[in-house]
Amino acid sequence: MDNTNGTARTLTCPFCSEAELRTFGRNSLRCDECMGVLGGTLLETLNEIVALPDAPASHACECGHPEMRHLPDGVYRCPACGAEVTPISAPGA
């Protein structure tokens, strides 16, 4: 799979998190570790997520997740717990 900047991306199995998914038949992927098959709407959703640009932020979340995503509106959102942090603007900014 390619993301928006043209670099290849792979998907890790969402069922077992142990192996990368491989092409399996037409329009589906399979995990060689747990034999889970992924297709349809779930595969389309994962393709859309993979196509998102990498997050430039490096803020850690209180839940322990190492990196929060920096959203276009300036909010930082944790992909693990869903917490959102709005940055405090400097005075006069």
PDB file of N, CA and C in Angstrom:
ATOM      1  N   MET A   1       0.839  -1.176   0.000  1.00  0.00           N
ATOM      2  CA  MET A   1       0.000   0.000   0.000  1.00  0.00           C
ATOM      3  C   MET A   1       0.876   1.228   0.000  1.00  0.00           C
ATOM      4  N   ASP A   2       0.377   2.295  -0.608  1.00  0.00           N
ATOM      5  CA  ASP A   2       1.112   3.545  -0.654  1.00  0.00           C
ATOM      6  C   ASP A   2       0.358   4.601   0.135  1.00  0.00           C
ATOM      7  N   ASN A   3       1.100   5.453   0.846  1.00  0.00           N
ATOM      8  CA  ASN A   3       0.435   6.571   1.487  1.00  0.00           C
ATOM      9  C   ASN A   3       0.553   7.784   0.574  1.00  0.00           C
ATOM     10  N   THR A   4       0.128   8.951   1.036  1.00  0.00           N
ATOM     11  CA  THR A   4       0.050  10.113   0.158  1.00  0.00           C
ATOM     12  C   THR A   4       1.404  10.603  -0.333  1.00  0.00           C
ATOM     13  N   ASN A   5       2.497  10.309   0.363  1.00  0.00           N
ATOM     14  CA  ASN A   5       3.796  10.767  -0.115  1.00  0.00           C
ATOM     15  C   ASN A   5       4.519   9.706  -0.930  1.00  0.00           C
ATOM     16  N   GLY A   6       3.837   8.615  -1.292  1.00  0.00           N
ATOM     17  CA  GLY A   6       4.373   7.626  -2.206  1.00  0.00           C
ATOM     18  C   GLY A   6       5.201   6.522  -1.577  1.00  0.00           C
ATOM     19  N   THR A   7       5.365   6.522  -0.261  1.00  0.00           N
ATOM     20  CA  THR A   7       6.142   5.463   0.373  1.00  0.00           C
ATOM     21  C   THR A   7       5.251   4.260   0.652  1.00  0.00           C
ATOM     22  N   ALA A   8       5.829   3.072   0.543  1.00  0.00           N
ATOM     23  CA  ALA A   8       5.057   1.850   0.768  1.00  0.00           C
ATOM     24  C   ALA A   8       4.770   1.680   2.250  1.00  0.00           C
ATOM     25  N   ARG A   9       3.571   1.217   2.549  1.00  0.00           N
ATOM     26  CA  ARG A   9       3.151   0.950   3.917  1.00  0.00           C
ATOM     27  C   ARG A   9       2.626  -0.471   3.987  1.00  0.00           C
ATOM     28  N   THR A  10       2.812  -1.105   5.116  1.00  0.00           N
ATOM     29  CA  THR A  10       2.232  -2.420   5.331  1.00  0.00           C
ATOM     30  C   THR A  10       1.260  -2.337   6.494  1.00  0.00           C
ATOM     31  N   LEU A  11       0.338  -3.270   6.543  1.00  0.00           N
ATOM     32  CA  LEU A  11      -0.628  -3.336   7.629  1.00  0.00           C
ATOM     33  C   LEU A  11      -0.296  -4.515   8.523  1.00  0.00           C
ATOM     34  N   THR A  12      -0.305  -4.285   9.819  1.00  0.00           N
ATOM     35  CA  THR A  12      -0.151  -5.364  10.791  1.00  0.00           C
ATOM     36  C   THR A  12      -1.542  -5.923  11.063  1.00  0.00           C
ATOM     37  N   CYS A  13      -1.629  -7.202  11.272  1.00  0.00           N
ATOM     38  CA  CYS A  13      -2.914  -7.861  11.501  1.00  0.00           C
ATOM     39  C   CYS A  13      -3.653  -7.224  12.681  1.00  0.00           C
ATOM     40  N   PRO A  14      -4.885  -6.752  12.472  1.00  0.00           N
ATOM     41  CA  PRO A  14      -5.644  -6.160  13.571  1.00  0.00           C
ATOM     42  C   PRO A  14      -6.211  -7.200  14.531  1.00  0.00           C
ATOM     43  N   PHE A  15      -6.150  -8.473  14.154  1.00  0.00           N
ATOM     44  CA  PHE A  15      -6.692  -9.533  14.999  1.00  0.00           C
ATOM     45  C   PHE A  15      -5.679 -10.032  16.029  1.00  0.00           C
ATOM     46  N   CYS A  16      -4.442 -10.278  15.577  1.00  0.00           N
ATOM     47  CA  CYS A  16      -3.435 -10.845  16.481  1.00  0.00           C
ATOM     48  C   CYS A  16      -2.240  -9.926  16.729  1.00  0.00           C
ATOM     49  N   SER A  17      -2.063  -8.913  15.902  1.00  0.00           N
ATOM     50  CA  SER A  17      -0.940  -7.953  15.987  1.00  0.00           C
ATOM     51  C   SER A  17       0.421  -8.626  15.908  1.00  0.00           C
ATOM     52  N   GLU A  18       0.502  -9.795  15.301  1.00  0.00           N
ATOM     53  CA  GLU A  18       1.746 -10.546  15.248  1.00  0.00           C
ATOM     54  C   GLU A  18       2.440 -10.518  13.890  1.00  0.00           C
ATOM     55  N   ALA A  19       1.715 -10.304  12.799  1.00  0.00           N
ATOM     56  CA  ALA A  19       2.313 -10.415  11.465  1.00  0.00           C
ATOM     57  C   ALA A  19       1.716  -9.365  10.534  1.00  0.00           C
ATOM     58  N   GLU A  20       2.431  -9.120   9.445  1.00  0.00           N
ATOM     59  CA  GLU A  20       1.924  -8.228   8.418  1.00  0.00           C
ATOM     60  C   GLU A  20       0.908  -8.974   7.565  1.00  0.00           C
ATOM     61  N   LEU A  21      -0.059  -8.245   7.057  1.00  0.00           N
ATOM     62  CA  LEU A  21      -1.074  -8.849   6.201  1.00  0.00           C
ATOM     63  C   LEU A  21      -0.530  -9.024   4.797  1.00  0.00           C
ATOM     64  N   ARG A  22      -0.926 -10.109   4.151  1.00  0.00           N
ATOM     65  CA  ARG A  22      -0.494 -10.426   2.787  1.00  0.00           C
ATOM     66  C   ARG A  22      -1.724 -10.508   1.884  1.00  0.00           C
ATOM     67  N   THR A  23      -1.511 -10.262   0.593  1.00  0.00           N
ATOM     68  CA  THR A  23      -2.589 -10.355  -0.384  1.00  0.00           C
ATOM     69  C   THR A  23      -3.171 -11.766  -0.367  1.00  0.00           C
ATOM     70  N   PHE A  24      -4.513 -11.824  -0.397  1.00  0.00           N
ATOM     71  CA  PHE A  24      -5.208 -13.105  -0.362  1.00  0.00           C
ATOM     72  C   PHE A  24      -6.422 -13.007  -1.262  1.00  0.00           C
ATOM     73  N   GLY A  25      -6.312 -13.587  -2.446  1.00  0.00           N
ATOM     74  CA  GLY A  25      -7.432 -13.519  -3.384  1.00  0.00           C
ATOM     75  C   GLY A  25      -7.613 -12.112  -3.912  1.00  0.00           C
ATOM     76  N   ARG A  26      -8.822 -11.810  -4.272  1.00  0.00           N
ATOM     77  CA  ARG A  26      -9.121 -10.503  -4.855  1.00  0.00           C
ATOM     78  C   ARG A  26      -9.722  -9.587  -3.794  1.00  0.00           C
ATOM     79  N   ASN A  27      -9.115  -8.425  -3.603  1.00  0.00           N
ATOM     80  CA  ASN A  27      -9.611  -7.414  -2.666  1.00  0.00           C
ATOM     81  C   ASN A  27      -9.671  -7.888  -1.215  1.00  0.00           C
ATOM     82  N   SER A  28      -8.706  -8.704  -0.806  1.00  0.00           N
ATOM     83  CA  SER A  28      -8.646  -9.105   0.595  1.00  0.00           C
ATOM     84  C   SER A  28      -7.193  -9.371   0.997  1.00  0.00           C
ATOM     85  N   LEU A  29      -6.975  -9.361   2.293  1.00  0.00           N
ATOM     86  CA  LEU A  29      -5.663  -9.634   2.870  1.00  0.00           C
ATOM     87  C   LEU A  29      -5.802 -10.720   3.920  1.00  0.00           C
ATOM     88  N   ARG A  30      -4.697 -11.436   4.178  1.00  0.00           N
ATOM     89  CA  ARG A  30      -4.734 -12.512   5.168  1.00  0.00           C
ATOM     90  C   ARG A  30      -3.492 -12.448   6.040  1.00  0.00           C
ATOM     91  N   CYS A  31      -3.655 -12.837   7.293  1.00  0.00           N
ATOM     92  CA  CYS A  31      -2.542 -12.922   8.240  1.00  0.00           C
ATOM     93  C   CYS A  31      -2.011 -14.351   8.215  1.00  0.00           C
ATOM     94  N   ASP A  32      -0.705 -14.497   7.972  1.00  0.00           N
ATOM     95  CA  ASP A  32      -0.104 -15.830   7.961  1.00  0.00           C
ATOM     96  C   ASP A  32       0.007 -16.425   9.360  1.00  0.00           C
ATOM     97  N   GLU A  33      -0.058 -15.589  10.384  1.00  0.00           N
ATOM     98  CA  GLU A  33       0.078 -16.063  11.769  1.00  0.00           C
ATOM     99  C   GLU A  33      -1.229 -16.653  12.307  1.00  0.00           C
ATOM    100  N   CYS A  34      -2.321 -15.866  12.259  1.00  0.00           N
ATOM    101  CA  CYS A  34      -3.595 -16.333  12.834  1.00  0.00           C
ATOM    102  C   CYS A  34      -4.595 -16.767  11.769  1.00  0.00           C
ATOM    103  N   MET A  35      -4.229 -16.587  10.482  1.00  0.00           N
ATOM    104  CA  MET A  35      -5.069 -16.941   9.338  1.00  0.00           C
ATOM    105  C   MET A  35      -6.328 -16.083   9.220  1.00  0.00           C
ATOM    106  N   GLY A  36      -6.376 -14.936   9.921  1.00  0.00           N
ATOM    107  CA  GLY A  36      -7.505 -14.019   9.806  1.00  0.00           C
ATOM    108  C   GLY A  36      -7.539 -13.410   8.413  1.00  0.00           C
ATOM    109  N   VAL A  37      -8.732 -13.248   7.858  1.00  0.00           N
ATOM    110  CA  VAL A  37      -8.909 -12.667   6.527  1.00  0.00           C
ATOM    111  C   VAL A  37      -9.612 -11.325   6.687  1.00  0.00           C
ATOM    112  N   LEU A  38      -9.112 -10.342   5.974  1.00  0.00           N
ATOM    113  CA  LEU A  38      -9.622  -8.986   6.057  1.00  0.00           C
ATOM    114  C   LEU A  38     -10.082  -8.543   4.683  1.00  0.00           C
ATOM    115  N   GLY A  39     -11.279  -8.013   4.593  1.00  0.00           N
ATOM    116  CA  GLY A  39     -11.801  -7.538   3.325  1.00  0.00           C
ATOM    117  C   GLY A  39     -12.956  -6.591   3.552  1.00  0.00           C
ATOM    118  N   GLY A  40     -13.560  -6.139   2.491  1.00  0.00           N
ATOM    119  CA  GLY A  40     -14.755  -5.305   2.576  1.00  0.00           C
ATOM    120  C   GLY A  40     -14.526  -3.964   3.231  1.00  0.00           C
ATOM    121  N   THR A  41     -15.500  -3.540   4.015  1.00  0.00           N
ATOM    122  CA  THR A  41     -15.492  -2.223   4.641  1.00  0.00           C
ATOM    123  C   THR A  41     -14.319  -2.040   5.591  1.00  0.00           C
ATOM    124  N   LEU A  42     -13.974  -3.057   6.360  1.00  0.00           N
ATOM    125  CA  LEU A  42     -12.856  -2.947   7.296  1.00  0.00           C
ATOM    126  C   LEU A  42     -11.547  -2.701   6.551  1.00  0.00           C
ATOM    127  N   LEU A  43     -11.332  -3.398   5.457  1.00  0.00           N
ATOM    128  CA  LEU A  43     -10.122  -3.196   4.660  1.00  0.00           C
ATOM    129  C   LEU A  43     -10.105  -1.795   4.047  1.00  0.00           C
ATOM    130  N   GLU A  44     -11.232  -1.325   3.561  1.00  0.00           N
ATOM    131  CA  GLU A  44     -11.313   0.025   3.006  1.00  0.00           C
ATOM    132  C   GLU A  44     -10.971   1.070   4.069  1.00  0.00           C
ATOM    133  N   THR A  45     -11.489   0.879   5.277  1.00  0.00           N
ATOM    134  CA  THR A  45     -11.210   1.814   6.369  1.00  0.00           C
ATOM    135  C   THR A  45      -9.730   1.816   6.718  1.00  0.00           C
ATOM    136  N   LEU A  46      -9.113   0.646   6.804  1.00  0.00           N
ATOM    137  CA  LEU A  46      -7.682   0.574   7.103  1.00  0.00           C
ATOM    138  C   LEU A  46      -6.857   1.223   5.995  1.00  0.00           C
ATOM    139  N   ASN A  47      -7.261   1.056   4.739  1.00  0.00           N
ATOM    140  CA  ASN A  47      -6.571   1.712   3.623  1.00  0.00           C
ATOM    141  C   ASN A  47      -6.638   3.230   3.760  1.00  0.00           C
ATOM    142  N   GLU A  48      -7.784   3.765   4.183  1.00  0.00           N
ATOM    143  CA  GLU A  48      -7.924   5.201   4.382  1.00  0.00           C
ATOM    144  C   GLU A  48      -7.042   5.692   5.525  1.00  0.00           C
ATOM    145  N   ILE A  49      -6.935   4.915   6.594  1.00  0.00           N
ATOM    146  CA  ILE A  49      -6.090   5.284   7.726  1.00  0.00           C
ATOM    147  C   ILE A  49      -4.624   5.289   7.307  1.00  0.00           C
ATOM    148  N   VAL A  50      -4.202   4.273   6.575  1.00  0.00           N
ATOM    149  CA  VAL A  50      -2.812   4.184   6.115  1.00  0.00           C
ATOM    150  C   VAL A  50      -2.462   5.352   5.197  1.00  0.00           C
ATOM    151  N   ALA A  51      -3.441   5.847   4.441  1.00  0.00           N
ATOM    152  CA  ALA A  51      -3.199   6.942   3.514  1.00  0.00           C
ATOM    153  C   ALA A  51      -3.043   8.299   4.207  1.00  0.00           C
ATOM    154  N   LEU A  52      -3.398   8.388   5.492  1.00  0.00           N
ATOM    155  CA  LEU A  52      -3.250   9.653   6.217  1.00  0.00           C
ATOM    156  C   LEU A  52      -1.775   9.997   6.366  1.00  0.00           C
ATOM    157  N   PRO A  53      -1.440  11.278   6.351  1.00  0.00           N
ATOM    158  CA  PRO A  53      -0.033  11.661   6.553  1.00  0.00           C
ATOM    159  C   PRO A  53       0.407  11.346   7.969  1.00  0.00           C
ATOM    160  N   ASP A  54       1.708  11.121   8.145  1.00  0.00           N
ATOM    161  CA  ASP A  54       2.246  10.855   9.476  1.00  0.00           C
ATOM    162  C   ASP A  54       2.076  12.083  10.350  1.00  0.00           C
ATOM    163  N   ALA A  55       1.850  11.853  11.625  1.00  0.00           N
ATOM    164  CA  ALA A  55       1.682  12.951  12.566  1.00  0.00           C
ATOM    165  C   ALA A  55       3.026  13.581  12.891  1.00  0.00           C
ATOM    166  N   PRO A  56       3.130  14.897  12.773  1.00  0.00           N
ATOM    167  CA  PRO A  56       4.392  15.556  13.085  1.00  0.00           C
ATOM    168  C   PRO A  56       4.604  15.762  14.583  1.00  0.00           C
ATOM    169  N   ALA A  57       3.574  15.559  15.394  1.00  0.00           N
ATOM    170  CA  ALA A  57       3.672  15.822  16.828  1.00  0.00           C
ATOM    171  C   ALA A  57       4.476  14.754  17.550  1.00  0.00           C
ATOM    172  N   SER A  58       5.026  15.147  18.677  1.00  0.00           N
ATOM    173  CA  SER A  58       5.764  14.181  19.488  1.00  0.00           C
ATOM    174  C   SER A  58       5.350  14.253  20.952  1.00  0.00           C
ATOM    175  N   HIS A  59       4.167  14.785  21.217  1.00  0.00           N
ATOM    176  CA  HIS A  59       3.680  14.896  22.581  1.00  0.00           C
ATOM    177  C   HIS A  59       3.190  13.541  23.082  1.00  0.00           C
ATOM    178  N   ALA A  60       3.602  13.167  24.270  1.00  0.00           N
ATOM    179  CA  ALA A  60       3.141  11.913  24.875  1.00  0.00           C
ATOM    180  C   ALA A  60       1.813  12.161  25.589  1.00  0.00           C
ATOM    181  N   CYS A  61       1.002  11.117  25.699  1.00  0.00           N
ATOM    182  CA  CYS A  61      -0.279  11.205  26.379  1.00  0.00           C
ATOM    183  C   CYS A  61      -0.136  10.717  27.818  1.00  0.00           C
ATOM    184  N   GLU A  62      -1.018  11.180  28.677  1.00  0.00           N
ATOM    185  CA  GLU A  62      -1.006  10.745  30.069  1.00  0.00           C
ATOM    186  C   GLU A  62      -1.311   9.257  30.215  1.00  0.00           C
ATOM    187  N   CYS A  63      -1.967   8.657  29.218  1.00  0.00           N
ATOM    188  CA  CYS A  63      -2.296   7.234  29.294  1.00  0.00           C
ATOM    189  C   CYS A  63      -1.075   6.350  29.044  1.00  0.00           C
ATOM    190  N   GLY A  64       0.037   6.976  28.601  1.00  0.00           N
ATOM    191  CA  GLY A  64       1.251   6.218  28.341  1.00  0.00           C
ATOM    192  C   GLY A  64       1.558   6.036  26.870  1.00  0.00           C
ATOM    193  N   HIS A  65       0.623   6.394  25.993  1.00  0.00           N
ATOM    194  CA  HIS A  65       0.885   6.296  24.561  1.00  0.00           C
ATOM    195  C   HIS A  65       1.977   7.296  24.209  1.00  0.00           C
ATOM    196  N   PRO A  66       2.989   6.899  23.428  1.00  0.00           N
ATOM    197  CA  PRO A  66       4.147   7.762  23.207  1.00  0.00           C
ATOM    198  C   PRO A  66       3.931   8.972  22.300  1.00  0.00           C
ATOM    199  N   GLU A  67       2.868   8.978  21.494  1.00  0.00           N
ATOM    200  CA  GLU A  67       2.719  10.086  20.558  1.00  0.00           C
ATOM    201  C   GLU A  67       1.261  10.397  20.270  1.00  0.00           C
ATOM    202  N   MET A  68       0.907  11.669  20.427  1.00  0.00           N
ATOM    203  CA  MET A  68      -0.442  12.116  20.103  1.00  0.00           C
ATOM    204  C   MET A  68      -0.433  12.686  18.689  1.00  0.00           C
ATOM    205  N   ARG A  69      -1.550  12.573  17.985  1.00  0.00           N
ATOM    206  CA  ARG A  69      -1.659  13.122  16.624  1.00  0.00           C
ATOM    207  C   ARG A  69      -1.998  14.599  16.702  1.00  0.00           C
ATOM    208  N   HIS A  70      -1.360  15.388  15.852  1.00  0.00           N
ATOM    209  CA  HIS A  70      -1.620  16.817  15.773  1.00  0.00           C
ATOM    210  C   HIS A  70      -2.648  17.035  14.675  1.00  0.00           C
ATOM    211  N   LEU A  71      -3.845  17.417  15.044  1.00  0.00           N
ATOM    212  CA  LEU A  71      -4.927  17.610  14.093  1.00  0.00           C
ATOM    213  C   LEU A  71      -4.833  19.002  13.456  1.00  0.00           C
ATOM    214  N   PRO A  72      -5.436  19.198  12.284  1.00  0.00           N
ATOM    215  CA  PRO A  72      -5.343  20.480  11.576  1.00  0.00           C
ATOM    216  C   PRO A  72      -5.831  21.681  12.387  1.00  0.00           C
ATOM    217  N   ASP A  73      -6.762  21.474  13.316  1.00  0.00           N
ATOM    218  CA  ASP A  73      -7.278  22.603  14.099  1.00  0.00           C
ATOM    219  C   ASP A  73      -6.409  22.924  15.312  1.00  0.00           C
ATOM    220  N   GLY A  74      -5.230  22.297  15.416  1.00  0.00           N
ATOM    221  CA  GLY A  74      -4.311  22.585  16.505  1.00  0.00           C
ATOM    222  C   GLY A  74      -4.476  21.699  17.721  1.00  0.00           C
ATOM    223  N   VAL A  75      -5.481  20.857  17.732  1.00  0.00           N
ATOM    224  CA  VAL A  75      -5.730  19.959  18.855  1.00  0.00           C
ATOM    225  C   VAL A  75      -4.848  18.727  18.718  1.00  0.00           C
ATOM    226  N   TYR A  76      -4.353  18.215  19.846  1.00  0.00           N
ATOM    227  CA  TYR A  76      -3.614  16.957  19.866  1.00  0.00           C
ATOM    228  C   TYR A  76      -4.575  15.878  20.346  1.00  0.00           C
ATOM    229  N   ARG A  77      -4.619  14.743  19.611  1.00  0.00           N
ATOM    230  CA  ARG A  77      -5.536  13.654  19.961  1.00  0.00           C
ATOM    231  C   ARG A  77      -4.761  12.361  20.093  1.00  0.00           C
ATOM    232  N   CYS A  78      -5.008  11.635  21.183  1.00  0.00           N
ATOM    233  CA  CYS A  78      -4.329  10.370  21.427  1.00  0.00           C
ATOM    234  C   CYS A  78      -5.037   9.257  20.664  1.00  0.00           C
ATOM    235  N   PRO A  79      -4.323   8.506  19.814  1.00  0.00           N
ATOM    236  CA  PRO A  79      -4.960   7.419  19.080  1.00  0.00           C
ATOM    237  C   PRO A  79      -5.296   6.227  19.965  1.00  0.00           C
ATOM    238  N   ALA A  80      -4.712   6.154  21.153  1.00  0.00           N
ATOM    239  CA  ALA A  80      -4.966   5.014  22.034  1.00  0.00           C
ATOM    240  C   ALA A  80      -6.210   5.210  22.892  1.00  0.00           C
ATOM    241  N   CYS A  81      -6.313   6.353  23.576  1.00  0.00           N
ATOM    242  CA  CYS A  81      -7.425   6.545  24.514  1.00  0.00           C
ATOM    243  C   CYS A  81      -8.441   7.582  24.050  1.00  0.00           C
ATOM    244  N   GLY A  82      -8.114   8.350  22.995  1.00  0.00           N
ATOM    245  CA  GLY A  82      -9.040   9.345  22.476  1.00  0.00           C
ATOM    246  C   GLY A  82      -8.989  10.688  23.182  1.00  0.00           C
ATOM    247  N   ALA A  83      -8.082  10.861  24.147  1.00  0.00           N
ATOM    248  CA  ALA A  83      -7.973  12.136  24.856  1.00  0.00           C
ATOM    249  C   ALA A  83      -7.580  13.238  23.875  1.00  0.00           C
ATOM    250  N   GLU A  84      -8.113  14.430  24.106  1.00  0.00           N
ATOM    251  CA  GLU A  84      -7.781  15.569  23.263  1.00  0.00           C
ATOM    252  C   GLU A  84      -7.225  16.690  24.137  1.00  0.00           C
ATOM    253  N   VAL A  85      -6.187  17.355  23.625  1.00  0.00           N
ATOM    254  CA  VAL A  85      -5.561  18.463  24.339  1.00  0.00           C
ATOM    255  C   VAL A  85      -5.510  19.656  23.395  1.00  0.00           C
ATOM    256  N   THR A  86      -6.083  20.782  23.852  1.00  0.00           N
ATOM    257  CA  THR A  86      -6.033  22.010  23.074  1.00  0.00           C
ATOM    258  C   THR A  86      -4.861  22.837  23.561  1.00  0.00           C
ATOM    259  N   PRO A  87      -3.949  23.205  22.666  1.00  0.00           N
ATOM    260  CA  PRO A  87      -2.798  23.985  23.110  1.00  0.00           C
ATOM    261  C   PRO A  87      -3.193  25.368  23.599  1.00  0.00           C
ATOM    262  N   ILE A  88      -2.451  25.873  24.586  1.00  0.00           N
ATOM    263  CA  ILE A  88      -2.700  27.214  25.111  1.00  0.00           C
ATOM    264  C   ILE A  88      -1.941  28.194  24.226  1.00  0.00           C
ATOM    265  N   SER A  89      -2.643  29.180  23.697  1.00  0.00           N
ATOM    266  CA  SER A  89      -2.003  30.176  22.837  1.00  0.00           C
ATOM    267  C   SER A  89      -1.208  31.157  23.698  1.00  0.00           C
ATOM    268  N   ALA A  90      -0.113  31.636  23.144  1.00  0.00           N
ATOM    269  CA  ALA A  90       0.695  32.635  23.831  1.00  0.00           C
ATOM    270  C   ALA A  90      -0.092  33.934  23.908  1.00  0.00           C
ATOM    271  N   PRO A  91       0.110  34.760  24.952  1.00  0.00           N
ATOM    272  CA  PRO A  91      -0.605  36.031  25.057  1.00  0.00           C
ATOM    273  C   PRO A  91      -0.340  36.892  23.816  1.00  0.00           C
ATOM    274  N   GLY A  92      -1.399  37.487  23.300  1.00  0.00           N
ATOM    275  CA  GLY A  92      -1.295  38.354  22.134  1.00  0.00           C
ATOM    276  C   GLY A  92      -1.154  37.612  20.821  1.00  0.00           C
ATOM    277  N   ALA A  93      -1.272  36.279  20.831  1.00  0.00           N
ATOM    278  CA  ALA A  93      -1.123  35.501  19.606  1.00  0.00           C
ATOM    279  C   ALA A  93      -2.421  35.388  18.875  1.00  0.00           C
TER     280      ALA A  93
END
